[in-house]
N, C-alpha and C. Protein backbone atom coordinates (compact mmCIF):
# COMPACT_ATOMS: atom_id res chain seq x y z
N MET A 1 -17.58 -90.20 -62.29
CA MET A 1 -18.74 -89.93 -61.49
C MET A 1 -19.96 -90.21 -62.36
N GLY A 2 -20.86 -90.98 -61.77
CA GLY A 2 -22.05 -91.35 -62.52
C GLY A 2 -23.12 -90.28 -62.41
N ARG A 3 -24.13 -90.54 -63.21
CA ARG A 3 -25.23 -89.60 -63.26
C ARG A 3 -25.92 -89.46 -61.90
N GLY A 4 -26.10 -90.52 -61.20
CA GLY A 4 -26.74 -90.51 -59.88
C GLY A 4 -25.90 -89.75 -58.87
N GLU A 5 -24.57 -89.91 -58.97
CA GLU A 5 -23.69 -89.20 -58.05
C GLU A 5 -23.72 -87.69 -58.32
N LYS A 6 -23.79 -87.32 -59.62
CA LYS A 6 -23.86 -85.90 -59.97
C LYS A 6 -25.12 -85.27 -59.39
N ARG A 7 -26.24 -86.00 -59.53
CA ARG A 7 -27.50 -85.48 -58.99
C ARG A 7 -27.42 -85.34 -57.47
N SER A 8 -26.79 -86.28 -56.84
CA SER A 8 -26.63 -86.25 -55.39
C SER A 8 -25.79 -85.05 -54.96
N VAL A 9 -24.69 -84.80 -55.70
CA VAL A 9 -23.83 -83.65 -55.38
C VAL A 9 -24.59 -82.35 -55.62
N ILE A 10 -25.31 -82.26 -56.74
CA ILE A 10 -26.08 -81.05 -57.06
C ILE A 10 -27.16 -80.84 -55.99
N ALA A 11 -27.82 -81.91 -55.56
CA ALA A 11 -28.85 -81.80 -54.53
C ALA A 11 -28.24 -81.32 -53.22
N GLN A 12 -27.05 -81.83 -52.88
CA GLN A 12 -26.39 -81.40 -51.65
C GLN A 12 -25.99 -79.93 -51.74
N ILE A 13 -25.52 -79.50 -52.91
CA ILE A 13 -25.15 -78.10 -53.10
C ILE A 13 -26.39 -77.21 -52.97
N LEU A 14 -27.50 -77.64 -53.61
CA LEU A 14 -28.73 -76.85 -53.53
C LEU A 14 -29.25 -76.78 -52.10
N ILE A 15 -29.19 -77.88 -51.39
CA ILE A 15 -29.64 -77.89 -49.99
C ILE A 15 -28.74 -76.98 -49.15
N SER A 16 -27.43 -77.03 -49.40
CA SER A 16 -26.49 -76.17 -48.67
C SER A 16 -26.78 -74.69 -48.96
N LEU A 17 -27.02 -74.37 -50.24
CA LEU A 17 -27.35 -72.99 -50.59
C LEU A 17 -28.66 -72.55 -49.95
N LEU A 18 -29.65 -73.43 -49.91
CA LEU A 18 -30.93 -73.12 -49.30
C LEU A 18 -30.74 -72.86 -47.80
N ILE A 19 -29.96 -73.70 -47.14
CA ILE A 19 -29.71 -73.52 -45.70
C ILE A 19 -28.96 -72.21 -45.46
N LEU A 20 -27.96 -71.93 -46.29
CA LEU A 20 -27.21 -70.69 -46.15
C LEU A 20 -28.10 -69.47 -46.36
N SER A 21 -28.99 -69.54 -47.35
CA SER A 21 -29.87 -68.41 -47.60
C SER A 21 -30.85 -68.22 -46.44
N LEU A 22 -31.31 -69.32 -45.83
CA LEU A 22 -32.19 -69.20 -44.66
C LEU A 22 -31.45 -68.55 -43.49
N PHE A 23 -30.20 -68.97 -43.27
CA PHE A 23 -29.40 -68.36 -42.21
C PHE A 23 -29.18 -66.87 -42.50
N ALA A 24 -28.88 -66.56 -43.74
CA ALA A 24 -28.64 -65.17 -44.11
C ALA A 24 -29.90 -64.33 -43.91
N ALA A 25 -31.05 -64.87 -44.33
CA ALA A 25 -32.31 -64.14 -44.16
C ALA A 25 -32.61 -63.94 -42.69
N GLY A 26 -32.40 -64.96 -41.89
CA GLY A 26 -32.62 -64.85 -40.45
C GLY A 26 -31.66 -63.86 -39.83
N GLY A 27 -30.43 -63.88 -40.25
CA GLY A 27 -29.43 -62.92 -39.74
C GLY A 27 -29.78 -61.51 -40.13
N TYR A 28 -30.24 -61.33 -41.36
CA TYR A 28 -30.62 -60.00 -41.83
C TYR A 28 -31.82 -59.49 -41.03
N ARG A 29 -32.81 -60.38 -40.82
CA ARG A 29 -34.00 -60.00 -40.06
C ARG A 29 -33.59 -59.64 -38.63
N GLY A 30 -32.70 -60.42 -38.05
CA GLY A 30 -32.20 -60.13 -36.72
C GLY A 30 -31.46 -58.81 -36.68
N PHE A 31 -30.70 -58.55 -37.71
CA PHE A 31 -29.98 -57.27 -37.80
C PHE A 31 -30.95 -56.10 -37.90
N GLN A 32 -32.00 -56.27 -38.72
CA GLN A 32 -33.00 -55.21 -38.87
C GLN A 32 -33.73 -54.97 -37.54
N GLU A 33 -34.06 -56.07 -36.83
CA GLU A 33 -34.73 -55.92 -35.54
C GLU A 33 -33.81 -55.20 -34.54
N TYR A 34 -32.53 -55.55 -34.59
CA TYR A 34 -31.55 -54.89 -33.73
C TYR A 34 -31.48 -53.40 -34.03
N ARG A 35 -31.46 -53.04 -35.31
CA ARG A 35 -31.42 -51.62 -35.70
C ARG A 35 -32.70 -50.91 -35.29
N SER A 36 -33.85 -51.60 -35.41
CA SER A 36 -35.12 -50.98 -35.01
C SER A 36 -35.15 -50.72 -33.50
N ARG A 37 -34.65 -51.67 -32.71
CA ARG A 37 -34.59 -51.47 -31.26
C ARG A 37 -33.65 -50.33 -30.92
N ARG A 38 -32.53 -50.28 -31.60
CA ARG A 38 -31.56 -49.20 -31.38
C ARG A 38 -32.18 -47.85 -31.75
N LEU A 39 -32.92 -47.81 -32.85
CA LEU A 39 -33.57 -46.58 -33.29
C LEU A 39 -34.63 -46.13 -32.28
N SER A 40 -35.38 -47.09 -31.75
CA SER A 40 -36.40 -46.78 -30.74
C SER A 40 -35.75 -46.22 -29.47
N GLY A 41 -34.66 -46.83 -29.04
CA GLY A 41 -33.94 -46.33 -27.87
C GLY A 41 -33.38 -44.93 -28.11
N LEU A 42 -32.91 -44.71 -29.31
CA LEU A 42 -32.37 -43.40 -29.66
C LEU A 42 -33.48 -42.34 -29.68
N SER A 43 -34.64 -42.72 -30.18
CA SER A 43 -35.77 -41.80 -30.21
C SER A 43 -36.17 -41.41 -28.78
N ASP A 44 -36.18 -42.38 -27.88
CA ASP A 44 -36.49 -42.09 -26.47
C ASP A 44 -35.45 -41.15 -25.88
N ARG A 45 -34.20 -41.39 -26.20
CA ARG A 45 -33.11 -40.56 -25.69
C ARG A 45 -33.24 -39.12 -26.18
N LEU A 46 -33.57 -38.95 -27.45
CA LEU A 46 -33.75 -37.60 -28.00
C LEU A 46 -34.96 -36.91 -27.36
N SER A 47 -36.03 -37.67 -27.12
CA SER A 47 -37.22 -37.10 -26.49
C SER A 47 -36.90 -36.56 -25.10
N ARG A 48 -36.07 -37.29 -24.36
CA ARG A 48 -35.71 -36.86 -23.01
C ARG A 48 -34.80 -35.63 -23.01
N MET A 49 -34.13 -35.36 -24.12
CA MET A 49 -33.24 -34.20 -24.17
C MET A 49 -34.01 -32.89 -24.05
N GLY A 50 -35.22 -32.83 -24.57
CA GLY A 50 -36.00 -31.59 -24.53
C GLY A 50 -35.36 -30.52 -25.39
N GLU A 51 -34.90 -29.47 -24.76
CA GLU A 51 -34.26 -28.38 -25.50
C GLU A 51 -32.78 -28.69 -25.70
N LEU A 52 -32.35 -28.60 -26.94
CA LEU A 52 -30.95 -28.80 -27.29
C LEU A 52 -30.37 -27.42 -27.60
N THR A 53 -29.66 -26.84 -26.63
CA THR A 53 -29.04 -25.52 -26.81
C THR A 53 -27.74 -25.70 -27.58
N THR A 54 -27.64 -25.03 -28.71
CA THR A 54 -26.45 -25.19 -29.56
C THR A 54 -25.64 -23.91 -29.71
N VAL A 55 -26.25 -22.76 -29.44
CA VAL A 55 -25.55 -21.48 -29.57
C VAL A 55 -25.86 -20.62 -28.34
N THR A 56 -24.83 -20.06 -27.77
CA THR A 56 -24.97 -19.10 -26.67
C THR A 56 -24.20 -17.85 -27.04
N GLN A 57 -24.86 -16.71 -26.94
CA GLN A 57 -24.20 -15.43 -27.23
C GLN A 57 -24.41 -14.49 -26.06
N LEU A 58 -23.47 -13.60 -25.88
CA LEU A 58 -23.53 -12.61 -24.82
C LEU A 58 -23.59 -11.22 -25.46
N TYR A 59 -24.58 -10.44 -25.04
CA TYR A 59 -24.72 -9.06 -25.53
C TYR A 59 -24.56 -8.12 -24.34
N ARG A 60 -23.99 -6.97 -24.59
CA ARG A 60 -23.84 -5.96 -23.54
C ARG A 60 -24.48 -4.67 -24.04
N SER A 61 -25.25 -4.05 -23.16
CA SER A 61 -25.89 -2.78 -23.49
C SER A 61 -25.48 -1.72 -22.48
N VAL A 62 -25.45 -0.48 -22.94
CA VAL A 62 -25.11 0.66 -22.10
C VAL A 62 -26.37 1.51 -21.96
N PHE A 63 -26.65 1.94 -20.72
CA PHE A 63 -27.85 2.72 -20.43
C PHE A 63 -27.45 4.04 -19.77
N TYR A 64 -28.16 5.07 -20.15
CA TYR A 64 -27.94 6.38 -19.54
C TYR A 64 -29.30 6.95 -19.16
N VAL A 65 -29.44 7.32 -17.89
CA VAL A 65 -30.69 7.87 -17.39
C VAL A 65 -30.36 9.19 -16.70
N ARG A 66 -31.08 10.21 -17.07
CA ARG A 66 -30.93 11.50 -16.39
C ARG A 66 -32.32 12.04 -16.15
N GLU A 67 -32.56 12.33 -14.90
CA GLU A 67 -33.88 12.85 -14.53
C GLU A 67 -33.69 14.07 -13.64
N LYS A 68 -34.28 15.15 -14.07
CA LYS A 68 -34.23 16.39 -13.28
C LYS A 68 -35.67 16.81 -13.04
N LYS A 69 -36.08 16.66 -11.77
CA LYS A 69 -37.47 16.95 -11.44
C LYS A 69 -37.71 18.45 -11.30
N ASN A 70 -36.77 19.12 -10.71
CA ASN A 70 -36.85 20.57 -10.55
C ASN A 70 -35.43 21.11 -10.43
N PHE A 71 -35.27 22.32 -10.08
CA PHE A 71 -33.91 22.89 -10.05
C PHE A 71 -33.07 22.32 -8.90
N ILE A 72 -33.69 21.58 -7.98
CA ILE A 72 -32.93 21.01 -6.86
C ILE A 72 -32.73 19.50 -7.03
N GLN A 73 -33.78 18.78 -7.37
CA GLN A 73 -33.70 17.32 -7.44
C GLN A 73 -33.19 16.86 -8.80
N GLU A 74 -32.17 16.01 -8.74
CA GLU A 74 -31.58 15.50 -9.98
C GLU A 74 -30.94 14.15 -9.71
N LYS A 75 -31.05 13.26 -10.68
CA LYS A 75 -30.33 11.99 -10.60
C LYS A 75 -29.87 11.60 -12.00
N THR A 76 -28.66 11.08 -12.07
CA THR A 76 -28.06 10.65 -13.32
C THR A 76 -27.43 9.29 -13.08
N LEU A 77 -27.64 8.40 -14.03
CA LEU A 77 -27.12 7.03 -13.89
C LEU A 77 -26.62 6.55 -15.25
N LEU A 78 -25.41 6.04 -15.26
CA LEU A 78 -24.84 5.41 -16.44
C LEU A 78 -24.41 4.00 -16.01
N PHE A 79 -24.97 2.97 -16.68
CA PHE A 79 -24.65 1.60 -16.28
C PHE A 79 -24.67 0.68 -17.49
N THR A 80 -24.09 -0.51 -17.31
CA THR A 80 -24.09 -1.53 -18.37
C THR A 80 -24.79 -2.78 -17.83
N ALA A 81 -25.32 -3.56 -18.76
CA ALA A 81 -25.97 -4.83 -18.41
C ALA A 81 -25.66 -5.84 -19.51
N GLU A 82 -25.56 -7.09 -19.11
CA GLU A 82 -25.31 -8.16 -20.07
C GLU A 82 -26.56 -9.01 -20.25
N TYR A 83 -26.73 -9.51 -21.47
CA TYR A 83 -27.86 -10.36 -21.81
C TYR A 83 -27.34 -11.68 -22.37
N ASN A 84 -27.85 -12.76 -21.82
CA ASN A 84 -27.53 -14.09 -22.34
C ASN A 84 -28.60 -14.49 -23.35
N VAL A 85 -28.17 -14.90 -24.52
CA VAL A 85 -29.09 -15.34 -25.56
C VAL A 85 -28.70 -16.77 -25.93
N GLN A 86 -29.67 -17.66 -25.88
CA GLN A 86 -29.43 -19.06 -26.25
C GLN A 86 -30.41 -19.46 -27.34
N ALA A 87 -29.89 -20.20 -28.31
CA ALA A 87 -30.72 -20.69 -29.41
C ALA A 87 -30.43 -22.17 -29.60
N GLY A 88 -31.37 -22.87 -30.19
CA GLY A 88 -31.19 -24.29 -30.44
C GLY A 88 -32.46 -24.90 -31.00
N ILE A 89 -32.63 -26.17 -30.70
CA ILE A 89 -33.77 -26.94 -31.19
C ILE A 89 -34.57 -27.43 -29.99
N ASP A 90 -35.87 -27.23 -30.02
CA ASP A 90 -36.73 -27.72 -28.94
C ASP A 90 -37.31 -29.06 -29.38
N LEU A 91 -36.67 -30.14 -28.95
CA LEU A 91 -37.10 -31.48 -29.35
C LEU A 91 -38.45 -31.86 -28.75
N SER A 92 -38.87 -31.15 -27.71
CA SER A 92 -40.18 -31.44 -27.13
C SER A 92 -41.31 -31.01 -28.06
N GLU A 93 -41.00 -30.21 -29.09
CA GLU A 93 -42.00 -29.84 -30.09
C GLU A 93 -42.31 -31.01 -31.02
N GLY A 94 -41.46 -32.03 -30.97
CA GLY A 94 -41.66 -33.21 -31.80
C GLY A 94 -40.60 -33.33 -32.87
N PHE A 95 -40.33 -34.55 -33.26
CA PHE A 95 -39.39 -34.85 -34.33
C PHE A 95 -39.78 -36.20 -34.91
N ASP A 96 -39.24 -36.51 -36.07
CA ASP A 96 -39.56 -37.76 -36.74
C ASP A 96 -38.25 -38.47 -37.06
N LEU A 97 -38.06 -39.66 -36.48
CA LEU A 97 -36.86 -40.45 -36.68
C LEU A 97 -37.27 -41.77 -37.32
N THR A 98 -36.83 -41.98 -38.58
CA THR A 98 -37.20 -43.18 -39.31
C THR A 98 -35.98 -43.81 -39.96
N LEU A 99 -36.13 -45.06 -40.30
CA LEU A 99 -35.07 -45.81 -40.97
C LEU A 99 -35.61 -46.27 -42.31
N LYS A 100 -34.98 -45.84 -43.39
CA LYS A 100 -35.37 -46.25 -44.73
C LYS A 100 -34.15 -46.89 -45.38
N GLY A 101 -34.19 -48.21 -45.50
CA GLY A 101 -33.03 -48.92 -46.02
C GLY A 101 -31.90 -48.79 -45.03
N ASN A 102 -30.78 -48.27 -45.47
CA ASN A 102 -29.65 -48.04 -44.58
C ASN A 102 -29.55 -46.59 -44.11
N THR A 103 -30.51 -45.76 -44.50
CA THR A 103 -30.46 -44.34 -44.19
C THR A 103 -31.40 -43.99 -43.04
N VAL A 104 -30.87 -43.28 -42.06
CA VAL A 104 -31.69 -42.78 -40.96
C VAL A 104 -32.12 -41.37 -41.34
N ARG A 105 -33.41 -41.10 -41.23
CA ARG A 105 -33.94 -39.77 -41.54
C ARG A 105 -34.46 -39.16 -40.24
N LEU A 106 -33.96 -37.95 -39.96
CA LEU A 106 -34.37 -37.23 -38.76
C LEU A 106 -34.90 -35.87 -39.20
N VAL A 107 -36.19 -35.65 -38.94
CA VAL A 107 -36.84 -34.39 -39.28
C VAL A 107 -37.09 -33.65 -37.96
N LEU A 108 -36.58 -32.44 -37.88
CA LEU A 108 -36.60 -31.66 -36.64
C LEU A 108 -37.43 -30.40 -36.78
N PRO A 109 -37.90 -29.86 -35.65
CA PRO A 109 -38.53 -28.54 -35.71
C PRO A 109 -37.45 -27.49 -35.99
N PRO A 110 -37.81 -26.34 -36.51
CA PRO A 110 -36.80 -25.33 -36.83
C PRO A 110 -36.13 -24.77 -35.58
N GLY A 111 -34.97 -24.17 -35.78
CA GLY A 111 -34.25 -23.54 -34.68
C GLY A 111 -35.07 -22.39 -34.11
N ARG A 112 -34.86 -22.14 -32.82
CA ARG A 112 -35.59 -21.05 -32.19
C ARG A 112 -34.77 -20.47 -31.04
N LEU A 113 -35.13 -19.28 -30.64
CA LEU A 113 -34.52 -18.68 -29.46
C LEU A 113 -35.09 -19.38 -28.23
N LEU A 114 -34.22 -19.87 -27.39
CA LEU A 114 -34.66 -20.57 -26.19
C LEU A 114 -34.60 -19.68 -24.95
N LEU A 115 -33.75 -18.64 -24.99
CA LEU A 115 -33.59 -17.77 -23.83
C LEU A 115 -33.05 -16.41 -24.27
N VAL A 116 -33.66 -15.37 -23.77
CA VAL A 116 -33.12 -14.00 -23.88
C VAL A 116 -33.29 -13.43 -22.48
N ASP A 117 -32.19 -13.35 -21.74
CA ASP A 117 -32.28 -13.01 -20.33
C ASP A 117 -31.28 -11.94 -19.96
N GLY A 118 -31.78 -10.88 -19.34
CA GLY A 118 -30.92 -9.83 -18.79
C GLY A 118 -30.36 -10.32 -17.46
N ASP A 119 -29.08 -10.40 -17.37
CA ASP A 119 -28.42 -10.93 -16.17
C ASP A 119 -28.28 -9.82 -15.13
N ASP A 120 -29.10 -9.88 -14.08
CA ASP A 120 -29.08 -8.84 -13.04
C ASP A 120 -27.73 -8.74 -12.34
N SER A 121 -27.03 -9.87 -12.24
CA SER A 121 -25.74 -9.85 -11.55
C SER A 121 -24.66 -9.15 -12.39
N SER A 122 -24.94 -8.90 -13.66
CA SER A 122 -23.95 -8.26 -14.53
C SER A 122 -24.05 -6.74 -14.54
N LEU A 123 -25.03 -6.20 -13.84
CA LEU A 123 -25.19 -4.74 -13.83
C LEU A 123 -23.95 -4.09 -13.22
N GLN A 124 -23.43 -3.11 -13.93
CA GLN A 124 -22.27 -2.37 -13.43
C GLN A 124 -22.55 -0.88 -13.58
N GLN A 125 -22.52 -0.21 -12.45
CA GLN A 125 -22.70 1.23 -12.48
C GLN A 125 -21.39 1.88 -12.89
N VAL A 126 -21.47 2.67 -13.92
CA VAL A 126 -20.29 3.39 -14.40
C VAL A 126 -20.25 4.78 -13.76
N TYR A 127 -21.42 5.37 -13.65
CA TYR A 127 -21.50 6.72 -13.09
C TYR A 127 -22.85 6.88 -12.43
N ILE A 128 -22.84 7.48 -11.25
CA ILE A 128 -24.10 7.77 -10.57
C ILE A 128 -23.97 9.13 -9.89
N LYS A 129 -25.01 9.92 -10.04
CA LYS A 129 -25.05 11.23 -9.39
C LYS A 129 -26.45 11.40 -8.82
N GLU A 130 -26.49 11.65 -7.52
CA GLU A 130 -27.78 11.85 -6.85
C GLU A 130 -27.73 13.18 -6.10
N ARG A 131 -28.69 14.02 -6.39
CA ARG A 131 -28.79 15.29 -5.67
C ARG A 131 -30.24 15.46 -5.22
N PHE A 132 -30.43 15.32 -3.93
CA PHE A 132 -31.75 15.39 -3.30
C PHE A 132 -32.75 14.42 -3.94
N SER A 133 -32.23 13.35 -4.44
CA SER A 133 -33.04 12.30 -5.07
C SER A 133 -32.17 11.04 -5.07
N SER A 134 -32.78 9.88 -5.04
CA SER A 134 -31.95 8.66 -5.02
C SER A 134 -32.35 7.73 -6.17
N VAL A 135 -31.37 6.98 -6.65
CA VAL A 135 -31.57 6.00 -7.71
C VAL A 135 -32.04 4.71 -7.06
N ASP A 136 -33.11 4.13 -7.59
CA ASP A 136 -33.58 2.84 -7.08
C ASP A 136 -33.86 1.90 -8.25
N THR A 137 -34.30 0.69 -7.95
CA THR A 137 -34.51 -0.33 -9.00
C THR A 137 -35.55 0.11 -10.03
N GLY A 138 -36.48 0.95 -9.64
CA GLY A 138 -37.48 1.44 -10.58
C GLY A 138 -36.90 2.32 -11.67
N ASP A 139 -35.67 2.79 -11.44
CA ASP A 139 -35.02 3.64 -12.44
C ASP A 139 -34.36 2.82 -13.55
N TYR A 140 -33.93 1.61 -13.24
CA TYR A 140 -33.20 0.85 -14.26
C TYR A 140 -33.86 -0.45 -14.70
N LEU A 141 -34.68 -1.08 -13.87
CA LEU A 141 -35.30 -2.35 -14.29
C LEU A 141 -36.20 -2.23 -15.52
N PRO A 142 -37.01 -1.18 -15.65
CA PRO A 142 -37.81 -1.05 -16.89
C PRO A 142 -36.95 -0.95 -18.14
N LEU A 143 -35.80 -0.27 -18.03
CA LEU A 143 -34.91 -0.15 -19.18
C LEU A 143 -34.35 -1.51 -19.58
N ILE A 144 -34.00 -2.31 -18.60
CA ILE A 144 -33.46 -3.65 -18.87
C ILE A 144 -34.51 -4.50 -19.57
N GLY A 145 -35.76 -4.39 -19.12
CA GLY A 145 -36.85 -5.15 -19.75
C GLY A 145 -37.11 -4.72 -21.19
N GLU A 146 -37.10 -3.41 -21.43
CA GLU A 146 -37.31 -2.91 -22.79
C GLU A 146 -36.19 -3.32 -23.73
N GLU A 147 -34.97 -3.34 -23.21
CA GLU A 147 -33.82 -3.68 -24.04
C GLU A 147 -33.83 -5.15 -24.45
N ARG A 148 -34.49 -6.00 -23.67
CA ARG A 148 -34.56 -7.43 -23.97
C ARG A 148 -35.12 -7.67 -25.38
N GLU A 149 -36.16 -6.93 -25.76
CA GLU A 149 -36.74 -7.09 -27.09
C GLU A 149 -35.76 -6.64 -28.18
N ASN A 150 -35.01 -5.58 -27.94
CA ASN A 150 -33.99 -5.14 -28.90
C ASN A 150 -32.90 -6.20 -29.07
N ILE A 151 -32.49 -6.80 -27.97
CA ILE A 151 -31.47 -7.85 -28.01
C ILE A 151 -32.00 -9.04 -28.80
N ARG A 152 -33.24 -9.40 -28.57
CA ARG A 152 -33.87 -10.52 -29.30
C ARG A 152 -33.83 -10.26 -30.80
N ARG A 153 -34.23 -9.06 -31.19
CA ARG A 153 -34.24 -8.69 -32.61
C ARG A 153 -32.83 -8.71 -33.20
N ARG A 154 -31.86 -8.18 -32.46
CA ARG A 154 -30.47 -8.17 -32.94
C ARG A 154 -29.94 -9.59 -33.12
N ALA A 155 -30.27 -10.46 -32.20
CA ALA A 155 -29.81 -11.85 -32.29
C ALA A 155 -30.40 -12.53 -33.53
N LEU A 156 -31.69 -12.30 -33.78
CA LEU A 156 -32.32 -12.89 -34.96
C LEU A 156 -31.71 -12.34 -36.25
N GLU A 157 -31.45 -11.04 -36.28
CA GLU A 157 -30.85 -10.42 -37.47
C GLU A 157 -29.43 -10.91 -37.72
N SER A 158 -28.74 -11.32 -36.66
CA SER A 158 -27.36 -11.79 -36.82
C SER A 158 -27.28 -13.22 -37.36
N GLY A 159 -28.43 -13.89 -37.51
CA GLY A 159 -28.43 -15.24 -38.05
C GLY A 159 -28.22 -16.33 -37.01
N ILE A 160 -28.60 -16.05 -35.79
CA ILE A 160 -28.39 -17.02 -34.71
C ILE A 160 -29.15 -18.33 -34.95
N LEU A 161 -30.33 -18.25 -35.57
CA LEU A 161 -31.12 -19.48 -35.79
C LEU A 161 -30.45 -20.39 -36.80
N LYS A 162 -29.86 -19.81 -37.84
CA LYS A 162 -29.15 -20.62 -38.84
C LYS A 162 -27.95 -21.31 -38.18
N SER A 163 -27.22 -20.57 -37.38
CA SER A 163 -26.07 -21.16 -36.66
C SER A 163 -26.54 -22.27 -35.72
N ALA A 164 -27.66 -22.05 -35.06
CA ALA A 164 -28.19 -23.05 -34.13
C ALA A 164 -28.53 -24.35 -34.87
N GLU A 165 -29.15 -24.23 -36.04
CA GLU A 165 -29.49 -25.41 -36.82
C GLU A 165 -28.25 -26.13 -37.34
N GLU A 166 -27.26 -25.36 -37.82
CA GLU A 166 -26.03 -25.98 -38.32
C GLU A 166 -25.32 -26.76 -37.23
N ARG A 167 -25.26 -26.20 -36.04
CA ARG A 167 -24.61 -26.89 -34.92
C ARG A 167 -25.43 -28.07 -34.45
N ALA A 168 -26.75 -27.96 -34.51
CA ALA A 168 -27.60 -29.09 -34.13
C ALA A 168 -27.35 -30.28 -35.05
N VAL A 169 -27.18 -30.02 -36.34
CA VAL A 169 -26.90 -31.10 -37.29
C VAL A 169 -25.59 -31.79 -36.92
N LEU A 170 -24.55 -31.01 -36.59
CA LEU A 170 -23.27 -31.60 -36.20
C LEU A 170 -23.42 -32.47 -34.95
N ILE A 171 -24.11 -31.96 -33.95
CA ILE A 171 -24.28 -32.69 -32.70
C ILE A 171 -25.08 -33.96 -32.92
N LEU A 172 -26.20 -33.84 -33.63
CA LEU A 172 -27.06 -35.01 -33.83
C LEU A 172 -26.43 -36.04 -34.75
N ASN A 173 -25.65 -35.59 -35.74
CA ASN A 173 -24.90 -36.56 -36.56
C ASN A 173 -23.94 -37.36 -35.67
N GLY A 174 -23.30 -36.69 -34.73
CA GLY A 174 -22.41 -37.37 -33.79
C GLY A 174 -23.14 -38.38 -32.93
N ILE A 175 -24.32 -38.01 -32.46
CA ILE A 175 -25.12 -38.93 -31.64
C ILE A 175 -25.55 -40.13 -32.46
N LEU A 176 -26.02 -39.89 -33.70
CA LEU A 176 -26.43 -41.00 -34.56
C LEU A 176 -25.25 -41.91 -34.89
N TYR A 177 -24.11 -41.31 -35.17
CA TYR A 177 -22.92 -42.09 -35.51
C TYR A 177 -22.49 -42.95 -34.32
N SER A 178 -22.52 -42.37 -33.12
CA SER A 178 -22.12 -43.13 -31.93
C SER A 178 -23.11 -44.26 -31.63
N ALA A 179 -24.33 -44.14 -32.13
CA ALA A 179 -25.32 -45.21 -31.97
C ALA A 179 -25.21 -46.25 -33.07
N GLY A 180 -24.22 -46.11 -33.94
CA GLY A 180 -24.01 -47.08 -35.01
C GLY A 180 -24.82 -46.82 -36.26
N LEU A 181 -25.39 -45.64 -36.36
CA LEU A 181 -26.21 -45.27 -37.52
C LEU A 181 -25.44 -44.23 -38.33
N GLU A 182 -24.65 -44.71 -39.27
CA GLU A 182 -23.68 -43.85 -39.95
C GLU A 182 -24.26 -43.04 -41.09
N ASP A 183 -25.24 -43.55 -41.79
CA ASP A 183 -25.80 -42.85 -42.94
C ASP A 183 -27.05 -42.10 -42.49
N ALA A 184 -26.92 -40.79 -42.25
CA ALA A 184 -28.03 -40.01 -41.70
C ALA A 184 -28.37 -38.83 -42.60
N GLU A 185 -29.65 -38.53 -42.64
CA GLU A 185 -30.16 -37.36 -43.36
C GLU A 185 -30.97 -36.55 -42.35
N ILE A 186 -30.50 -35.36 -42.05
CA ILE A 186 -31.17 -34.51 -41.06
C ILE A 186 -31.67 -33.26 -41.77
N ARG A 187 -32.94 -32.94 -41.52
CA ARG A 187 -33.50 -31.73 -42.10
C ARG A 187 -34.48 -31.10 -41.11
N PHE A 188 -34.89 -29.86 -41.39
CA PHE A 188 -35.78 -29.12 -40.53
C PHE A 188 -37.10 -28.91 -41.24
N GLU A 189 -38.17 -29.12 -40.53
CA GLU A 189 -39.52 -28.98 -41.09
C GLU A 189 -40.06 -27.61 -40.66
N ARG A 190 -40.22 -26.72 -41.61
CA ARG A 190 -40.66 -25.36 -41.31
C ARG A 190 -42.15 -25.26 -41.02
N GLU A 191 -42.95 -26.11 -41.61
CA GLU A 191 -44.41 -26.01 -41.49
C GLU A 191 -44.95 -26.84 -40.35
N GLY A 192 -44.11 -27.46 -39.56
CA GLY A 192 -44.59 -28.36 -38.50
C GLY A 192 -44.45 -29.79 -38.97
N LEU A 193 -44.23 -30.67 -38.03
CA LEU A 193 -44.03 -32.08 -38.38
C LEU A 193 -45.33 -32.73 -38.78
N ARG A 194 -45.22 -33.59 -39.77
CA ARG A 194 -46.41 -34.31 -40.26
C ARG A 194 -46.66 -35.52 -39.41
């Protein structure tokens, strides 16, 4: 092989490498655009979710009311009520979803109580005694309302918010993975999203 042929072969190799690198760069850019579109669609999907309920707990309280107005009128009531407590992440408060290299970063608002509700249909009278007086909703509804705050406090003390955040991470990792975004970093912003 002569010197001219060697140069021709080297030139062809260099041209082939240049063409391959252009295809690779174009493919990479196309891949990045595809990931950006996918990330944008995922962000829209998360925005539409609103509240993500991850923990539901049921509390039961027992109430006893005894009222004696005089030596004739008396009413006594013993009943139970159930409270539904739900915690999770409120995505409508805002979140930040970004792509840095191959890592997806999702910054979420902290976990919060989404619902503390006394279920009226769960009321069960255990004992009722009425003597020249009758039990009505005014006797038990205020108690149910007051107990709601105690239930809220008990739920917070039990660590429901931490559980809600841990489960939110599992759920959102699954959503990101199913969207083809395997390397994810999820954290909670306590001071509000920047």
